[in-house]
Amino acid sequence: MIIRKTFGKLGNRAMARIATGMAATLILPGRSVTCRLENISRKGCRIQLTELPRLGETVVVRVDRVDAFGAVTWVRGPRCGITFDNPVPVEALERIRWSAEHEKDHEKGKISAAGAVWR
């Protein structure tokens, strides 16, 4: 029997969020920018970046082989919130959480995978 952990603190949100601090990519129409994924849930995320998108802009958040389509729902300072069109699968959130909690192991795995491509 697999026991699933709950994700983060719920507070006033409909879905709990996982704090990550991971590097991610925000894909916008005509460009993509590197950002910092501060937290993520099945329904949305908060990112930090220097080139802010416009409110309502359609975007894709890419992190750890997970692509989440959505729209920018708020912009404040260097941060913005994104609401996803479809909930992120639980398995994808588990992988993102593992990557955030085991950052060194995750980086080693990415380097090993990249080395295997060159063999």
N, C-alpha and C. Protein backbone atom coordinates (compact mmCIF):
# COMPACT_ATOMS: atom_id res chain seq x y z
N MET A 1 0.84 -1.18 0.00
CA MET A 1 0.00 0.00 0.00
C MET A 1 0.88 1.24 0.00
N ILE A 2 0.60 2.16 -0.91
CA ILE A 2 1.37 3.40 -1.00
C ILE A 2 0.66 4.48 -0.19
N ILE A 3 1.41 5.12 0.71
CA ILE A 3 0.85 6.22 1.49
C ILE A 3 1.32 7.52 0.84
N ARG A 4 0.38 8.34 0.43
CA ARG A 4 0.72 9.61 -0.22
C ARG A 4 0.80 10.72 0.82
N LYS A 5 1.83 11.54 0.69
CA LYS A 5 1.96 12.71 1.55
C LYS A 5 1.05 13.81 1.02
N THR A 6 0.65 14.69 1.91
CA THR A 6 -0.10 15.86 1.46
C THR A 6 0.90 16.90 1.00
N PHE A 7 0.45 17.85 0.22
CA PHE A 7 1.33 18.86 -0.35
C PHE A 7 1.20 20.17 0.40
N GLY A 8 2.25 20.61 1.07
CA GLY A 8 2.34 21.94 1.64
C GLY A 8 1.20 22.32 2.57
N LYS A 9 1.13 23.63 2.88
CA LYS A 9 0.09 24.17 3.74
C LYS A 9 -1.05 24.68 2.88
N LEU A 10 -2.25 24.50 3.35
CA LEU A 10 -3.41 24.89 2.57
C LEU A 10 -3.79 26.34 2.80
N GLY A 11 -3.86 26.79 4.04
CA GLY A 11 -4.26 28.17 4.30
C GLY A 11 -5.65 28.44 3.73
N ASN A 12 -5.81 29.56 3.03
CA ASN A 12 -7.10 29.92 2.43
C ASN A 12 -7.25 29.43 1.00
N ARG A 13 -6.29 28.69 0.50
CA ARG A 13 -6.32 28.23 -0.89
C ARG A 13 -7.20 26.99 -1.05
N ALA A 14 -7.67 26.81 -2.27
CA ALA A 14 -8.44 25.61 -2.59
C ALA A 14 -7.51 24.40 -2.70
N MET A 15 -6.25 24.64 -3.12
CA MET A 15 -5.27 23.57 -3.27
C MET A 15 -3.99 23.97 -2.53
N ALA A 16 -3.39 23.02 -1.83
CA ALA A 16 -2.12 23.29 -1.14
C ALA A 16 -1.00 23.44 -2.16
N ARG A 17 0.01 24.21 -1.78
CA ARG A 17 1.14 24.46 -2.68
C ARG A 17 2.41 23.87 -2.12
N ILE A 18 3.30 23.49 -3.04
CA ILE A 18 4.62 22.96 -2.69
C ILE A 18 5.62 24.09 -2.90
N ALA A 19 6.38 24.44 -1.87
CA ALA A 19 7.45 25.43 -2.02
C ALA A 19 8.61 24.75 -2.73
N THR A 20 9.13 25.38 -3.81
CA THR A 20 10.19 24.71 -4.57
C THR A 20 11.47 25.53 -4.66
N GLY A 21 11.40 26.76 -5.13
CA GLY A 21 12.61 27.54 -5.36
C GLY A 21 13.42 27.04 -6.54
N MET A 22 12.81 26.25 -7.41
CA MET A 22 13.50 25.63 -8.55
C MET A 22 13.54 26.56 -9.76
N ALA A 23 14.55 26.34 -10.60
CA ALA A 23 14.61 27.03 -11.88
C ALA A 23 13.54 26.43 -12.80
N ALA A 24 12.91 27.29 -13.58
CA ALA A 24 11.87 26.86 -14.52
C ALA A 24 11.96 27.74 -15.75
N THR A 25 11.15 27.42 -16.74
CA THR A 25 11.06 28.23 -17.96
C THR A 25 9.62 28.67 -18.13
N LEU A 26 9.44 29.94 -18.42
CA LEU A 26 8.12 30.48 -18.73
C LEU A 26 8.10 30.73 -20.23
N ILE A 27 7.20 30.04 -20.91
CA ILE A 27 7.10 30.17 -22.36
C ILE A 27 5.91 31.05 -22.67
N LEU A 28 6.21 32.15 -23.39
CA LEU A 28 5.19 33.12 -23.78
C LEU A 28 5.13 33.15 -25.30
N PRO A 29 4.10 33.75 -25.86
CA PRO A 29 4.06 33.86 -27.33
C PRO A 29 5.30 34.59 -27.85
N GLY A 30 6.10 33.91 -28.65
CA GLY A 30 7.27 34.52 -29.28
C GLY A 30 8.54 34.56 -28.46
N ARG A 31 8.51 34.09 -27.22
CA ARG A 31 9.73 34.12 -26.40
C ARG A 31 9.60 33.18 -25.22
N SER A 32 10.73 32.87 -24.63
CA SER A 32 10.73 32.12 -23.37
C SER A 32 11.78 32.73 -22.46
N VAL A 33 11.49 32.71 -21.16
CA VAL A 33 12.39 33.31 -20.18
C VAL A 33 12.60 32.34 -19.02
N THR A 34 13.79 32.43 -18.43
CA THR A 34 14.09 31.64 -17.25
C THR A 34 13.46 32.33 -16.05
N CYS A 35 12.92 31.54 -15.15
CA CYS A 35 12.28 32.09 -13.95
C CYS A 35 12.56 31.18 -12.77
N ARG A 36 12.11 31.61 -11.61
CA ARG A 36 12.23 30.80 -10.40
C ARG A 36 10.83 30.40 -9.98
N LEU A 37 10.57 29.12 -9.92
CA LEU A 37 9.27 28.60 -9.49
C LEU A 37 9.27 28.61 -7.96
N GLU A 38 8.53 29.54 -7.37
CA GLU A 38 8.53 29.65 -5.91
C GLU A 38 7.62 28.60 -5.27
N ASN A 39 6.46 28.38 -5.88
CA ASN A 39 5.59 27.32 -5.38
C ASN A 39 4.66 26.86 -6.49
N ILE A 40 4.08 25.68 -6.30
CA ILE A 40 3.21 25.11 -7.31
C ILE A 40 2.16 24.23 -6.64
N SER A 41 0.97 24.20 -7.23
CA SER A 41 -0.09 23.29 -6.81
C SER A 41 -0.65 22.65 -8.07
N ARG A 42 -1.68 21.87 -7.92
CA ARG A 42 -2.31 21.26 -9.10
C ARG A 42 -2.96 22.32 -9.98
N LYS A 43 -3.38 23.44 -9.38
CA LYS A 43 -4.15 24.44 -10.13
C LYS A 43 -3.39 25.70 -10.51
N GLY A 44 -2.18 25.89 -9.97
CA GLY A 44 -1.46 27.12 -10.31
C GLY A 44 -0.09 27.18 -9.66
N CYS A 45 0.59 28.30 -9.90
CA CYS A 45 1.93 28.49 -9.33
C CYS A 45 2.24 29.96 -9.18
N ARG A 46 3.32 30.23 -8.43
CA ARG A 46 3.85 31.59 -8.30
C ARG A 46 5.30 31.53 -8.77
N ILE A 47 5.65 32.45 -9.65
CA ILE A 47 7.01 32.50 -10.16
C ILE A 47 7.61 33.89 -9.94
N GLN A 48 8.93 33.93 -9.97
CA GLN A 48 9.67 35.17 -9.86
C GLN A 48 10.54 35.29 -11.11
N LEU A 49 10.51 36.47 -11.74
CA LEU A 49 11.30 36.68 -12.95
C LEU A 49 11.52 38.16 -13.18
N THR A 50 12.43 38.48 -14.10
CA THR A 50 12.74 39.88 -14.38
C THR A 50 11.90 40.43 -15.53
N GLU A 51 11.58 39.61 -16.52
CA GLU A 51 10.75 40.04 -17.65
C GLU A 51 9.32 39.61 -17.41
N LEU A 52 8.53 40.46 -16.78
CA LEU A 52 7.18 40.08 -16.38
C LEU A 52 6.22 39.98 -17.56
N PRO A 53 5.37 38.96 -17.55
CA PRO A 53 4.33 38.85 -18.58
C PRO A 53 3.18 39.81 -18.26
N ARG A 54 2.30 39.99 -19.23
CA ARG A 54 1.12 40.84 -19.03
C ARG A 54 0.02 40.04 -18.33
N LEU A 55 -0.79 40.74 -17.59
CA LEU A 55 -1.95 40.13 -16.95
C LEU A 55 -2.85 39.52 -18.01
N GLY A 56 -3.26 38.29 -17.83
CA GLY A 56 -4.13 37.60 -18.77
C GLY A 56 -3.41 36.90 -19.90
N GLU A 57 -2.10 37.08 -20.00
CA GLU A 57 -1.33 36.46 -21.08
C GLU A 57 -1.32 34.93 -20.92
N THR A 58 -1.45 34.23 -22.03
CA THR A 58 -1.39 32.77 -22.04
C THR A 58 0.07 32.34 -21.99
N VAL A 59 0.39 31.39 -21.11
CA VAL A 59 1.77 30.97 -20.91
C VAL A 59 1.84 29.45 -20.71
N VAL A 60 3.07 28.94 -20.77
CA VAL A 60 3.37 27.56 -20.40
C VAL A 60 4.48 27.63 -19.37
N VAL A 61 4.30 26.95 -18.26
CA VAL A 61 5.34 26.82 -17.24
C VAL A 61 5.96 25.45 -17.43
N ARG A 62 7.28 25.42 -17.64
CA ARG A 62 8.00 24.17 -17.84
C ARG A 62 8.98 23.98 -16.69
N VAL A 63 8.81 22.87 -15.96
CA VAL A 63 9.73 22.54 -14.87
C VAL A 63 9.81 21.02 -14.76
N ASP A 64 11.03 20.52 -14.70
CA ASP A 64 11.28 19.10 -14.48
C ASP A 64 10.43 18.20 -15.38
N ARG A 65 10.49 18.44 -16.68
CA ARG A 65 9.77 17.66 -17.70
C ARG A 65 8.25 17.75 -17.58
N VAL A 66 7.75 18.76 -16.90
CA VAL A 66 6.32 18.99 -16.76
C VAL A 66 5.98 20.31 -17.44
N ASP A 67 5.03 20.29 -18.35
CA ASP A 67 4.53 21.51 -18.99
C ASP A 67 3.11 21.76 -18.50
N ALA A 68 2.88 22.96 -17.99
CA ALA A 68 1.54 23.33 -17.51
C ALA A 68 1.09 24.58 -18.26
N PHE A 69 -0.01 24.48 -18.98
CA PHE A 69 -0.57 25.60 -19.73
C PHE A 69 -1.48 26.40 -18.81
N GLY A 70 -1.45 27.72 -18.96
CA GLY A 70 -2.30 28.55 -18.11
C GLY A 70 -2.29 30.00 -18.52
N ALA A 71 -2.76 30.83 -17.61
CA ALA A 71 -2.83 32.27 -17.85
C ALA A 71 -2.34 33.02 -16.62
N VAL A 72 -1.75 34.18 -16.85
CA VAL A 72 -1.25 35.03 -15.76
C VAL A 72 -2.46 35.68 -15.10
N THR A 73 -2.63 35.45 -13.79
CA THR A 73 -3.79 35.97 -13.08
C THR A 73 -3.48 37.15 -12.17
N TRP A 74 -2.20 37.34 -11.84
CA TRP A 74 -1.80 38.53 -11.09
C TRP A 74 -0.32 38.78 -11.31
N VAL A 75 0.05 40.07 -11.19
CA VAL A 75 1.45 40.50 -11.32
C VAL A 75 1.71 41.53 -10.23
N ARG A 76 2.73 41.26 -9.37
CA ARG A 76 3.11 42.18 -8.31
C ARG A 76 4.62 42.17 -8.15
N GLY A 77 5.24 43.32 -8.34
CA GLY A 77 6.70 43.39 -8.23
C GLY A 77 7.35 42.44 -9.21
N PRO A 78 8.35 41.65 -8.76
CA PRO A 78 9.01 40.70 -9.66
C PRO A 78 8.33 39.34 -9.73
N ARG A 79 7.11 39.24 -9.20
CA ARG A 79 6.41 37.95 -9.15
C ARG A 79 5.09 38.00 -9.92
N CYS A 80 4.65 36.81 -10.31
CA CYS A 80 3.32 36.71 -10.91
C CYS A 80 2.72 35.35 -10.56
N GLY A 81 1.40 35.30 -10.63
CA GLY A 81 0.68 34.07 -10.36
C GLY A 81 0.07 33.55 -11.65
N ILE A 82 0.10 32.25 -11.80
CA ILE A 82 -0.43 31.62 -13.00
C ILE A 82 -1.46 30.58 -12.58
N THR A 83 -2.62 30.61 -13.23
CA THR A 83 -3.65 29.61 -13.02
C THR A 83 -3.62 28.66 -14.21
N PHE A 84 -3.50 27.37 -13.93
CA PHE A 84 -3.40 26.39 -15.00
C PHE A 84 -4.77 26.08 -15.61
N ASP A 85 -4.76 25.80 -16.91
CA ASP A 85 -5.99 25.41 -17.61
C ASP A 85 -6.51 24.08 -17.11
N ASN A 86 -5.60 23.13 -16.88
CA ASN A 86 -5.96 21.79 -16.38
C ASN A 86 -5.09 21.47 -15.18
N PRO A 87 -5.63 20.76 -14.19
CA PRO A 87 -4.82 20.42 -13.01
C PRO A 87 -3.59 19.59 -13.39
N VAL A 88 -2.48 19.88 -12.74
CA VAL A 88 -1.24 19.11 -12.93
C VAL A 88 -1.45 17.75 -12.27
N PRO A 89 -1.08 16.66 -12.94
CA PRO A 89 -1.24 15.33 -12.33
C PRO A 89 -0.46 15.22 -11.01
N VAL A 90 -1.02 14.49 -10.08
CA VAL A 90 -0.39 14.29 -8.77
C VAL A 90 1.01 13.71 -8.93
N GLU A 91 1.18 12.76 -9.86
CA GLU A 91 2.49 12.13 -10.07
C GLU A 91 3.53 13.17 -10.48
N ALA A 92 3.14 14.15 -11.29
CA ALA A 92 4.07 15.21 -11.71
C ALA A 92 4.44 16.08 -10.51
N LEU A 93 3.48 16.39 -9.65
CA LEU A 93 3.79 17.18 -8.45
C LEU A 93 4.71 16.41 -7.51
N GLU A 94 4.52 15.11 -7.41
CA GLU A 94 5.40 14.29 -6.57
C GLU A 94 6.83 14.34 -7.10
N ARG A 95 6.99 14.29 -8.43
CA ARG A 95 8.33 14.37 -9.03
C ARG A 95 8.95 15.74 -8.78
N ILE A 96 8.16 16.80 -8.92
CA ILE A 96 8.67 18.16 -8.68
C ILE A 96 9.07 18.31 -7.22
N ARG A 97 8.24 17.81 -6.32
CA ARG A 97 8.58 17.91 -4.89
C ARG A 97 9.85 17.15 -4.59
N TRP A 98 10.01 15.92 -5.14
CA TRP A 98 11.23 15.16 -4.91
C TRP A 98 12.44 15.94 -5.42
N SER A 99 12.32 16.54 -6.60
CA SER A 99 13.42 17.31 -7.17
C SER A 99 13.79 18.49 -6.29
N ALA A 100 12.79 19.16 -5.74
CA ALA A 100 13.04 20.31 -4.86
C ALA A 100 13.69 19.87 -3.55
N GLU A 101 13.25 18.74 -3.00
CA GLU A 101 13.78 18.25 -1.73
C GLU A 101 15.14 17.58 -1.87
N HIS A 102 15.48 17.10 -3.07
CA HIS A 102 16.74 16.39 -3.32
C HIS A 102 17.49 17.07 -4.46
N GLU A 103 17.73 18.35 -4.30
CA GLU A 103 18.30 19.16 -5.38
C GLU A 103 19.64 18.61 -5.90
N LYS A 104 20.53 18.20 -5.01
CA LYS A 104 21.84 17.70 -5.46
C LYS A 104 21.69 16.40 -6.25
N ASP A 105 20.87 15.49 -5.76
CA ASP A 105 20.65 14.23 -6.48
C ASP A 105 19.99 14.49 -7.84
N HIS A 106 19.08 15.44 -7.86
CA HIS A 106 18.39 15.77 -9.11
C HIS A 106 19.39 16.32 -10.13
N GLU A 107 20.28 17.21 -9.71
CA GLU A 107 21.28 17.78 -10.62
C GLU A 107 22.22 16.69 -11.15
N LYS A 108 22.62 15.76 -10.27
CA LYS A 108 23.47 14.64 -10.72
C LYS A 108 22.76 13.81 -11.78
N GLY A 109 21.48 13.57 -11.58
CA GLY A 109 20.70 12.80 -12.54
C GLY A 109 20.60 13.50 -13.89
N LYS A 110 20.44 14.83 -13.87
CA LYS A 110 20.37 15.57 -15.13
C LYS A 110 21.70 15.51 -15.87
N ILE A 111 22.81 15.60 -15.15
CA ILE A 111 24.14 15.53 -15.77
C ILE A 111 24.38 14.14 -16.33
N SER A 112 23.99 13.10 -15.58
CA SER A 112 24.14 11.72 -16.07
C SER A 112 23.33 11.49 -17.34
N ALA A 113 22.10 12.00 -17.36
CA ALA A 113 21.24 11.84 -18.54
C ALA A 113 21.84 12.57 -19.74
N ALA A 114 22.37 13.76 -19.52
CA ALA A 114 22.98 14.53 -20.61
C ALA A 114 24.23 13.80 -21.12
N GLY A 115 24.99 13.19 -20.23
CA GLY A 115 26.18 12.44 -20.64
C GLY A 115 25.81 11.22 -21.44
N ALA A 116 24.70 10.58 -21.10
CA ALA A 116 24.27 9.39 -21.84
C ALA A 116 23.90 9.73 -23.28
N VAL A 117 23.41 10.92 -23.51
CA VAL A 117 23.06 11.36 -24.87
C VAL A 117 24.30 11.46 -25.74
N TRP A 118 25.42 11.84 -25.15
CA TRP A 118 26.66 12.03 -25.93
C TRP A 118 27.41 10.73 -26.17
N ARG A 119 27.01 9.65 -25.52
CA ARG A 119 27.71 8.37 -25.69
C ARG A 119 27.37 7.74 -27.00
